[in-house]
N, C-alpha and C. Protein backbone atom coordinates (compact mmCIF):
# COMPACT_ATOMS: atom_id res chain seq x y z
N MET A 1 -97.33 44.55 36.59
CA MET A 1 -97.54 45.79 35.93
C MET A 1 -96.54 45.89 34.76
N SER A 2 -97.03 46.14 33.58
CA SER A 2 -96.15 46.24 32.42
C SER A 2 -95.84 47.70 32.12
N ARG A 3 -94.66 47.92 31.66
CA ARG A 3 -94.25 49.26 31.28
C ARG A 3 -94.32 49.39 29.77
N LYS A 4 -94.84 50.46 29.30
CA LYS A 4 -94.87 50.73 27.87
C LYS A 4 -93.99 51.94 27.60
N SER A 5 -93.06 51.75 26.70
CA SER A 5 -92.20 52.88 26.35
C SER A 5 -92.81 53.62 25.17
N ALA A 6 -92.46 54.87 25.07
CA ALA A 6 -92.96 55.68 23.96
C ALA A 6 -92.35 55.18 22.66
N LEU A 7 -93.14 55.17 21.62
CA LEU A 7 -92.64 54.74 20.32
C LEU A 7 -91.68 55.78 19.76
N ALA A 8 -90.62 55.29 19.16
CA ALA A 8 -89.65 56.18 18.53
C ALA A 8 -90.26 56.74 17.24
N PRO A 9 -89.96 57.98 16.92
CA PRO A 9 -90.50 58.55 15.68
C PRO A 9 -89.88 57.87 14.45
N ASP A 10 -90.54 57.99 13.31
CA ASP A 10 -90.06 57.40 12.07
C ASP A 10 -89.11 58.33 11.34
N TYR A 11 -88.58 59.30 11.99
CA TYR A 11 -87.71 60.27 11.35
C TYR A 11 -86.58 60.66 12.29
N VAL A 12 -85.57 61.24 11.70
CA VAL A 12 -84.44 61.77 12.46
C VAL A 12 -84.21 63.19 11.98
N LEU A 13 -84.03 64.10 12.90
CA LEU A 13 -83.74 65.47 12.53
C LEU A 13 -82.30 65.56 12.07
N LEU A 14 -82.10 66.26 10.96
CA LEU A 14 -80.77 66.38 10.38
C LEU A 14 -80.36 67.84 10.38
N PRO A 15 -79.21 68.15 10.95
CA PRO A 15 -78.76 69.54 10.92
C PRO A 15 -78.58 70.03 9.48
N VAL A 16 -78.79 71.30 9.28
CA VAL A 16 -78.69 71.89 7.94
C VAL A 16 -77.31 71.64 7.34
N GLY A 17 -76.28 71.74 8.13
CA GLY A 17 -74.92 71.50 7.64
C GLY A 17 -74.74 70.08 7.12
N ALA A 18 -75.33 69.12 7.80
CA ALA A 18 -75.24 67.73 7.35
C ALA A 18 -76.01 67.54 6.05
N TYR A 19 -77.15 68.20 5.93
CA TYR A 19 -77.94 68.12 4.70
C TYR A 19 -77.14 68.68 3.52
N HIS A 20 -76.51 69.83 3.72
CA HIS A 20 -75.70 70.43 2.66
C HIS A 20 -74.49 69.55 2.35
N GLY A 21 -73.96 68.89 3.35
CA GLY A 21 -72.86 67.95 3.13
C GLY A 21 -73.30 66.78 2.27
N LEU A 22 -74.51 66.28 2.51
CA LEU A 22 -75.03 65.19 1.67
C LEU A 22 -75.26 65.65 0.24
N GLN A 23 -75.72 66.89 0.08
CA GLN A 23 -75.89 67.42 -1.27
C GLN A 23 -74.55 67.49 -2.01
N ALA A 24 -73.53 67.95 -1.32
CA ALA A 24 -72.19 68.04 -1.91
C ALA A 24 -71.66 66.64 -2.24
N PHE A 25 -71.91 65.69 -1.36
CA PHE A 25 -71.48 64.31 -1.59
C PHE A 25 -72.17 63.75 -2.82
N HIS A 26 -73.46 64.02 -2.97
CA HIS A 26 -74.21 63.57 -4.14
C HIS A 26 -73.60 64.15 -5.41
N ALA A 27 -73.30 65.43 -5.41
CA ALA A 27 -72.69 66.07 -6.58
C ALA A 27 -71.33 65.48 -6.89
N GLU A 28 -70.58 65.15 -5.85
CA GLU A 28 -69.26 64.55 -6.04
C GLU A 28 -69.37 63.15 -6.66
N LEU A 29 -70.35 62.37 -6.20
CA LEU A 29 -70.55 61.04 -6.78
C LEU A 29 -70.90 61.13 -8.26
N ILE A 30 -71.76 62.07 -8.61
CA ILE A 30 -72.13 62.27 -10.02
C ILE A 30 -70.90 62.69 -10.82
N GLY A 31 -70.10 63.59 -10.27
CA GLY A 31 -68.88 64.03 -10.94
C GLY A 31 -67.89 62.90 -11.19
N ILE A 32 -67.76 62.02 -10.21
CA ILE A 32 -66.87 60.87 -10.36
C ILE A 32 -67.37 59.96 -11.48
N ALA A 33 -68.67 59.69 -11.49
CA ALA A 33 -69.24 58.83 -12.54
C ALA A 33 -69.02 59.45 -13.92
N ARG A 34 -69.20 60.76 -14.04
CA ARG A 34 -68.98 61.44 -15.34
C ARG A 34 -67.51 61.38 -15.75
N ALA A 35 -66.62 61.56 -14.78
CA ALA A 35 -65.19 61.50 -15.09
C ALA A 35 -64.79 60.10 -15.56
N ILE A 36 -65.33 59.09 -14.94
CA ILE A 36 -65.03 57.71 -15.35
C ILE A 36 -65.57 57.47 -16.75
N ASP A 37 -66.79 57.94 -17.02
CA ASP A 37 -67.40 57.75 -18.34
C ASP A 37 -66.67 58.53 -19.44
N SER A 38 -66.05 59.64 -19.09
CA SER A 38 -65.41 60.46 -20.11
C SER A 38 -64.10 59.86 -20.61
N THR A 39 -63.61 58.86 -19.93
CA THR A 39 -62.39 58.18 -20.34
C THR A 39 -62.73 57.20 -21.45
N GLU A 40 -62.52 57.61 -22.68
CA GLU A 40 -62.84 56.76 -23.84
C GLU A 40 -61.57 56.09 -24.35
N THR A 41 -61.50 54.80 -24.19
CA THR A 41 -60.38 54.03 -24.72
C THR A 41 -60.93 52.77 -25.36
N ASP A 42 -60.09 52.10 -26.11
CA ASP A 42 -60.50 50.85 -26.76
C ASP A 42 -60.02 49.62 -26.00
N ASP A 43 -59.49 49.82 -24.81
CA ASP A 43 -58.97 48.65 -24.09
C ASP A 43 -60.10 47.85 -23.45
N PRO A 44 -59.82 46.62 -23.12
CA PRO A 44 -60.86 45.74 -22.54
C PRO A 44 -61.37 46.19 -21.17
N ASP A 45 -60.66 47.07 -20.52
CA ASP A 45 -61.10 47.55 -19.20
C ASP A 45 -62.24 48.56 -19.29
N GLN A 46 -62.63 48.94 -20.51
CA GLN A 46 -63.71 49.91 -20.69
C GLN A 46 -65.00 49.43 -20.03
N SER A 47 -65.31 48.14 -20.16
CA SER A 47 -66.54 47.63 -19.54
C SER A 47 -66.46 47.71 -18.02
N ARG A 48 -65.26 47.53 -17.48
CA ARG A 48 -65.09 47.67 -16.02
C ARG A 48 -65.31 49.12 -15.60
N ARG A 49 -64.81 50.04 -16.41
CA ARG A 49 -65.01 51.46 -16.09
C ARG A 49 -66.49 51.82 -16.12
N ARG A 50 -67.18 51.33 -17.11
CA ARG A 50 -68.62 51.61 -17.19
C ARG A 50 -69.36 51.01 -16.00
N ALA A 51 -68.97 49.82 -15.60
CA ALA A 51 -69.59 49.20 -14.43
C ALA A 51 -69.30 50.01 -13.18
N LEU A 52 -68.08 50.50 -13.05
CA LEU A 52 -67.72 51.32 -11.90
C LEU A 52 -68.50 52.62 -11.90
N ALA A 53 -68.63 53.26 -13.06
CA ALA A 53 -69.42 54.48 -13.17
C ALA A 53 -70.87 54.22 -12.78
N ARG A 54 -71.38 53.07 -13.17
CA ARG A 54 -72.76 52.71 -12.83
C ARG A 54 -72.92 52.57 -11.31
N VAL A 55 -71.92 52.00 -10.65
CA VAL A 55 -71.96 51.87 -9.19
C VAL A 55 -72.04 53.25 -8.54
N PHE A 56 -71.22 54.18 -9.03
CA PHE A 56 -71.26 55.53 -8.46
C PHE A 56 -72.61 56.20 -8.72
N ARG A 57 -73.19 55.97 -9.89
CA ARG A 57 -74.51 56.54 -10.17
C ARG A 57 -75.59 55.93 -9.27
N LEU A 58 -75.52 54.63 -9.05
CA LEU A 58 -76.49 53.98 -8.16
C LEU A 58 -76.36 54.53 -6.74
N TRP A 59 -75.15 54.71 -6.31
CA TRP A 59 -74.90 55.27 -4.98
C TRP A 59 -75.45 56.69 -4.91
N ALA A 60 -75.20 57.47 -5.97
CA ALA A 60 -75.73 58.84 -6.01
C ALA A 60 -77.25 58.83 -6.00
N ASP A 61 -77.86 57.88 -6.70
CA ASP A 61 -79.33 57.77 -6.70
C ASP A 61 -79.86 57.49 -5.30
N GLN A 62 -79.16 56.66 -4.55
CA GLN A 62 -79.59 56.37 -3.17
C GLN A 62 -79.48 57.62 -2.30
N VAL A 63 -78.38 58.34 -2.44
CA VAL A 63 -78.22 59.58 -1.66
C VAL A 63 -79.30 60.58 -2.06
N HIS A 64 -79.56 60.68 -3.37
CA HIS A 64 -80.59 61.60 -3.85
C HIS A 64 -81.96 61.23 -3.27
N GLY A 65 -82.28 59.95 -3.24
CA GLY A 65 -83.55 59.50 -2.66
C GLY A 65 -83.66 59.88 -1.19
N ASN A 66 -82.56 59.74 -0.48
CA ASN A 66 -82.57 60.13 0.94
C ASN A 66 -82.74 61.64 1.09
N LEU A 67 -82.10 62.41 0.22
CA LEU A 67 -82.26 63.86 0.27
C LEU A 67 -83.70 64.26 -0.01
N GLU A 68 -84.33 63.59 -0.97
CA GLU A 68 -85.74 63.87 -1.28
C GLU A 68 -86.64 63.55 -0.08
N THR A 69 -86.35 62.45 0.60
CA THR A 69 -87.13 62.06 1.78
C THR A 69 -86.96 63.11 2.89
N ILE A 70 -85.74 63.55 3.08
CA ILE A 70 -85.47 64.55 4.12
C ILE A 70 -86.20 65.85 3.79
N ARG A 71 -86.19 66.24 2.52
CA ARG A 71 -86.83 67.48 2.10
C ARG A 71 -88.34 67.43 2.28
N SER A 72 -88.92 66.25 2.11
CA SER A 72 -90.38 66.14 2.17
C SER A 72 -90.91 66.12 3.60
N ASP A 73 -90.03 65.90 4.57
CA ASP A 73 -90.48 65.86 5.97
C ASP A 73 -90.64 67.22 6.57
């Protein structure tokens, strides 16, 4: 006799506080990227700063995508 377990749902319920925390985290990531970009200098590290700002924006985009998915459920 084989046992069949119930399939797990494709979603996870997220408390409202956690959702608002993710929104705040997203805003903070965007703020960090803007702060890094606002540092205008002529030194060779400028390209590193831009790359770092891009990493924060990509991370913020991922968080934003997750927030959109949560909102649509």
